[in-house]
Amino acid sequence: MEKTQNFANAIKQLRKSKGITLDQISDACKIKKNYFEKMEAGDFSFKPNIYIKLFLIEYLKYIDIDKADSIIQEFDNIFNSSSTDMNLTFMPPTNDDEDDIESGSINSTDDYDPKQIATIILTIIIIIITYQAISSFLV
């Protein structure tokens, strides 16, 4: 909690040292002023962290783009302490994973069964034929 408050005070002091108002940032970034007020008050729970991080990036671009990267890194250190343990499913396979893929040892439970695909296609075909038969009957 103390780290959060110190971070909030630091970004507020940085903004004030540049002589920039929250209204100016809000107008330039098209982000509600009260979000910035909450961040500067140390309340980072009003939105999910990803949104707060994006708001903070825009805030910092307006105030001091040169310090933005280091401040965002500090934000990540405070609020995403477990970020190094994330398992990103969209990442390309590493060399170790490629060996597993080639040997066929990775099983995916998200694959569709061919019977399911055939059932879906057959259902679509039946719907199309029924629609055409009804529309030709009505004409």
C-alpha atoms as a PDB file:
ATOM      1  CA  MET A   1       0.000   0.000   0.000  1.00  0.00           C
ATOM      2  CA  GLU A   2       2.837   2.371   0.822  1.00  0.00           C
ATOM      3  CA  LYS A   3       4.491   1.690  -2.538  1.00  0.00           C
ATOM      4  CA  THR A   4       1.216   2.484  -4.280  1.00  0.00           C
ATOM      5  CA  GLN A   5       0.857   5.789  -2.461  1.00  0.00           C
ATOM      6  CA  ASN A   6       4.500   6.714  -3.095  1.00  0.00           C
ATOM      7  CA  PHE A   7       4.055   5.945  -6.800  1.00  0.00           C
ATOM      8  CA  ALA A   8       0.899   8.077  -6.935  1.00  0.00           C
ATOM      9  CA  ASN A   9       2.618  10.977  -5.189  1.00  0.00           C
ATOM     10  CA  ALA A  10       5.608  10.722  -7.523  1.00  0.00           C
ATOM     11  CA  ILE A  11       3.545  10.954 -10.718  1.00  0.00           C
ATOM     12  CA  LYS A  12       1.513  13.813  -9.237  1.00  0.00           C
ATOM     13  CA  GLN A  13       4.674  15.732  -8.306  1.00  0.00           C
ATOM     14  CA  LEU A  14       6.137  15.101 -11.765  1.00  0.00           C
ATOM     15  CA  ARG A  15       3.005  16.554 -13.365  1.00  0.00           C
ATOM     16  CA  LYS A  16       2.986  19.569 -11.067  1.00  0.00           C
ATOM     17  CA  SER A  17       6.692  20.201 -11.683  1.00  0.00           C
ATOM     18  CA  LYS A  18       5.912  20.558 -15.388  1.00  0.00           C
ATOM     19  CA  GLY A  19       3.038  22.996 -14.680  1.00  0.00           C
ATOM     20  CA  ILE A  20       0.484  20.749 -16.358  1.00  0.00           C
ATOM     21  CA  THR A  21      -3.108  20.433 -15.166  1.00  0.00           C
ATOM     22  CA  LEU A  22      -5.249  17.314 -15.189  1.00  0.00           C
ATOM     23  CA  ASP A  23      -7.691  19.137 -17.458  1.00  0.00           C
ATOM     24  CA  GLN A  24      -4.957  19.601 -20.050  1.00  0.00           C
ATOM     25  CA  ILE A  25      -4.022  15.913 -19.932  1.00  0.00           C
ATOM     26  CA  SER A  26      -7.650  14.830 -20.053  1.00  0.00           C
ATOM     27  CA  ASP A  27      -8.391  17.030 -23.050  1.00  0.00           C
ATOM     28  CA  ALA A  28      -5.299  15.877 -24.927  1.00  0.00           C
ATOM     29  CA  CYS A  29      -5.694  12.175 -24.141  1.00  0.00           C
ATOM     30  CA  LYS A  30      -9.504  12.037 -24.324  1.00  0.00           C
ATOM     31  CA  ILE A  31      -9.534  10.162 -20.999  1.00  0.00           C
ATOM     32  CA  LYS A  32     -11.791  11.187 -18.128  1.00  0.00           C
ATOM     33  CA  LYS A  33     -10.141  13.547 -15.685  1.00  0.00           C
ATOM     34  CA  ASN A  34     -11.467  11.611 -12.680  1.00  0.00           C
ATOM     35  CA  TYR A  35      -9.416   8.564 -13.734  1.00  0.00           C
ATOM     36  CA  PHE A  36      -6.255  10.636 -13.481  1.00  0.00           C
ATOM     37  CA  GLU A  37      -7.442  12.069 -10.160  1.00  0.00           C
ATOM     38  CA  LYS A  38      -7.907   8.556  -8.802  1.00  0.00           C
ATOM     39  CA  MET A  39      -4.461   7.504  -9.998  1.00  0.00           C
ATOM     40  CA  GLU A  40      -2.837  10.507  -8.376  1.00  0.00           C
ATOM     41  CA  ALA A  41      -4.748   9.770  -5.152  1.00  0.00           C
ATOM     42  CA  GLY A  42      -3.314   6.255  -5.098  1.00  0.00           C
ATOM     43  CA  ASP A  43      -6.521   4.468  -6.120  1.00  0.00           C
ATOM     44  CA  PHE A  44      -5.580   2.000  -8.830  1.00  0.00           C
ATOM     45  CA  SER A  45      -8.570  -0.288  -8.314  1.00  0.00           C
ATOM     46  CA  PHE A  46     -11.149   1.612 -10.381  1.00  0.00           C
ATOM     47  CA  LYS A  47     -10.367  -0.367 -13.549  1.00  0.00           C
ATOM     48  CA  PRO A  48      -8.385  -3.523 -14.396  1.00  0.00           C
ATOM     49  CA  ASN A  49      -4.607  -2.987 -14.347  1.00  0.00           C
ATOM     50  CA  ILE A  50      -4.306  -3.124 -18.133  1.00  0.00           C
ATOM     51  CA  TYR A  51      -6.583  -0.091 -18.504  1.00  0.00           C
ATOM     52  CA  ILE A  52      -4.824   1.782 -15.739  1.00  0.00           C
ATOM     53  CA  LYS A  53      -1.495   1.047 -17.405  1.00  0.00           C
ATOM     54  CA  LEU A  54      -2.791   2.375 -20.727  1.00  0.00           C
ATOM     55  CA  PHE A  55      -4.161   5.499 -19.003  1.00  0.00           C
ATOM     56  CA  LEU A  56      -0.812   5.944 -17.282  1.00  0.00           C
ATOM     57  CA  ILE A  57       1.069   5.615 -20.577  1.00  0.00           C
ATOM     58  CA  GLU A  58      -1.046   8.377 -22.133  1.00  0.00           C
ATOM     59  CA  TYR A  59      -0.647  10.487 -18.985  1.00  0.00           C
ATOM     60  CA  LEU A  60       3.130  10.094 -19.101  1.00  0.00           C
ATOM     61  CA  LYS A  61       3.379  10.747 -22.848  1.00  0.00           C
ATOM     62  CA  TYR A  62       1.824  14.123 -22.216  1.00  0.00           C
ATOM     63  CA  ILE A  63       3.911  14.957 -19.152  1.00  0.00           C
ATOM     64  CA  ASP A  64       7.372  13.559 -19.899  1.00  0.00           C
ATOM     65  CA  ILE A  65       7.821  11.005 -22.655  1.00  0.00           C
ATOM     66  CA  ASP A  66      11.515  10.575 -21.787  1.00  0.00           C
ATOM     67  CA  LYS A  67      10.702   9.206 -18.328  1.00  0.00           C
ATOM     68  CA  ALA A  68       7.658   7.200 -19.434  1.00  0.00           C
ATOM     69  CA  ASP A  69       9.438   3.854 -19.914  1.00  0.00           C
ATOM     70  CA  SER A  70      11.109   3.868 -16.518  1.00  0.00           C
ATOM     71  CA  ILE A  71       7.889   4.908 -14.767  1.00  0.00           C
ATOM     72  CA  ILE A  72       5.884   2.206 -16.556  1.00  0.00           C
ATOM     73  CA  GLN A  73       8.526  -0.317 -15.483  1.00  0.00           C
ATOM     74  CA  GLU A  74       8.083   0.839 -11.893  1.00  0.00           C
ATOM     75  CA  PHE A  75       4.305   0.489 -12.280  1.00  0.00           C
ATOM     76  CA  ASP A  76       4.800  -3.081 -13.498  1.00  0.00           C
ATOM     77  CA  ASN A  77       7.099  -3.850 -10.568  1.00  0.00           C
ATOM     78  CA  ILE A  78       4.529  -2.601  -8.065  1.00  0.00           C
ATOM     79  CA  PHE A  79       1.302  -3.937  -9.557  1.00  0.00           C
ATOM     80  CA  ASN A  80       2.347  -6.997 -11.537  1.00  0.00           C
ATOM     81  CA  SER A  81       4.779  -8.713  -9.203  1.00  0.00           C
ATOM     82  CA  SER A  82       3.842 -12.104 -10.643  1.00  0.00           C
ATOM     83  CA  SER A  83       4.243 -10.987 -14.270  1.00  0.00           C
ATOM     84  CA  THR A  84       7.339 -13.169 -14.726  1.00  0.00           C
ATOM     85  CA  ASP A  85       5.256 -16.255 -13.949  1.00  0.00           C
ATOM     86  CA  MET A  86       2.752 -15.621 -16.727  1.00  0.00           C
ATOM     87  CA  ASN A  87       2.111 -18.373 -19.226  1.00  0.00           C
ATOM     88  CA  LEU A  88       1.379 -16.563 -22.472  1.00  0.00           C
ATOM     89  CA  THR A  89      -0.506 -18.892 -24.759  1.00  0.00           C
ATOM     90  CA  PHE A  90      -0.038 -16.746 -27.859  1.00  0.00           C
ATOM     91  CA  MET A  91       3.743 -16.892 -27.723  1.00  0.00           C
ATOM     92  CA  PRO A  92       5.453 -18.820 -30.512  1.00  0.00           C
ATOM     93  CA  PRO A  93       6.977 -22.106 -29.388  1.00  0.00           C
ATOM     94  CA  THR A  94      10.518 -22.108 -28.113  1.00  0.00           C
ATOM     95  CA  ASN A  95      13.027 -24.673 -29.350  1.00  0.00           C
ATOM     96  CA  ASP A  96      12.020 -27.021 -26.517  1.00  0.00           C
ATOM     97  CA  ASP A  97       8.358 -26.728 -27.487  1.00  0.00           C
ATOM     98  CA  GLU A  98       9.120 -27.380 -31.156  1.00  0.00           C
ATOM     99  CA  ASP A  99      10.723 -30.694 -30.230  1.00  0.00           C
ATOM    100  CA  ASP A 100       7.563 -31.653 -28.356  1.00  0.00           C
ATOM    101  CA  ILE A 101       5.386 -30.659 -31.303  1.00  0.00           C
ATOM    102  CA  GLU A 102       7.470 -32.693 -33.748  1.00  0.00           C
ATOM    103  CA  SER A 103       7.367 -35.761 -31.526  1.00  0.00           C
ATOM    104  CA  GLY A 104       3.602 -35.403 -31.122  1.00  0.00           C
ATOM    105  CA  SER A 105       3.705 -35.228 -27.340  1.00  0.00           C
ATOM    106  CA  ILE A 106       1.569 -32.090 -27.063  1.00  0.00           C
ATOM    107  CA  ASN A 107      -2.110 -32.906 -26.806  1.00  0.00           C
ATOM    108  CA  SER A 108      -4.661 -30.204 -27.440  1.00  0.00           C
ATOM    109  CA  THR A 109      -8.074 -30.541 -25.859  1.00  0.00           C
ATOM    110  CA  ASP A 110      -9.415 -27.680 -27.973  1.00  0.00           C
ATOM    111  CA  ASP A 111      -9.335 -29.609 -31.279  1.00  0.00           C
ATOM    112  CA  TYR A 112     -12.660 -30.273 -32.960  1.00  0.00           C
ATOM    113  CA  ASP A 113     -13.736 -33.823 -33.570  1.00  0.00           C
ATOM    114  CA  PRO A 114     -14.337 -34.551 -37.292  1.00  0.00           C
ATOM    115  CA  LYS A 115     -17.809 -35.805 -36.392  1.00  0.00           C
ATOM    116  CA  GLN A 116     -18.621 -32.420 -34.828  1.00  0.00           C
ATOM    117  CA  ILE A 117     -17.435 -30.603 -37.930  1.00  0.00           C
ATOM    118  CA  ALA A 118     -19.448 -32.914 -40.188  1.00  0.00           C
ATOM    119  CA  THR A 119     -22.554 -32.389 -38.034  1.00  0.00           C
ATOM    120  CA  ILE A 120     -22.197 -28.610 -38.222  1.00  0.00           C
ATOM    121  CA  ILE A 121     -21.728 -28.661 -42.000  1.00  0.00           C
ATOM    122  CA  LEU A 122     -24.670 -31.025 -42.470  1.00  0.00           C
ATOM    123  CA  THR A 123     -26.870 -28.812 -40.313  1.00  0.00           C
ATOM    124  CA  ILE A 124     -25.955 -25.750 -42.371  1.00  0.00           C
ATOM    125  CA  ILE A 125     -26.682 -27.609 -45.623  1.00  0.00           C
ATOM    126  CA  ILE A 126     -30.091 -28.742 -44.322  1.00  0.00           C
ATOM    127  CA  ILE A 127     -30.952 -25.189 -43.298  1.00  0.00           C
ATOM    128  CA  ILE A 128     -29.991 -23.845 -46.739  1.00  0.00           C
ATOM    129  CA  ILE A 129     -31.985 -26.519 -48.589  1.00  0.00           C
ATOM    130  CA  THR A 130     -35.014 -25.965 -46.340  1.00  0.00           C
ATOM    131  CA  TYR A 131     -34.823 -22.199 -46.863  1.00  0.00           C
ATOM    132  CA  GLN A 132     -34.610 -22.601 -50.657  1.00  0.00           C
ATOM    133  CA  ALA A 133     -37.521 -25.059 -50.694  1.00  0.00           C
ATOM    134  CA  ILE A 134     -39.722 -22.749 -48.632  1.00  0.00           C
ATOM    135  CA  SER A 135     -38.803 -19.658 -50.635  1.00  0.00           C
ATOM    136  CA  SER A 136     -39.497 -21.427 -53.981  1.00  0.00           C
ATOM    137  CA  PHE A 137     -42.827 -22.719 -52.642  1.00  0.00           C
ATOM    138  CA  LEU A 138     -43.932 -19.222 -51.648  1.00  0.00           C
ATOM    139  CA  VAL A 139     -43.065 -17.661 -55.028  1.00  0.00           C
END
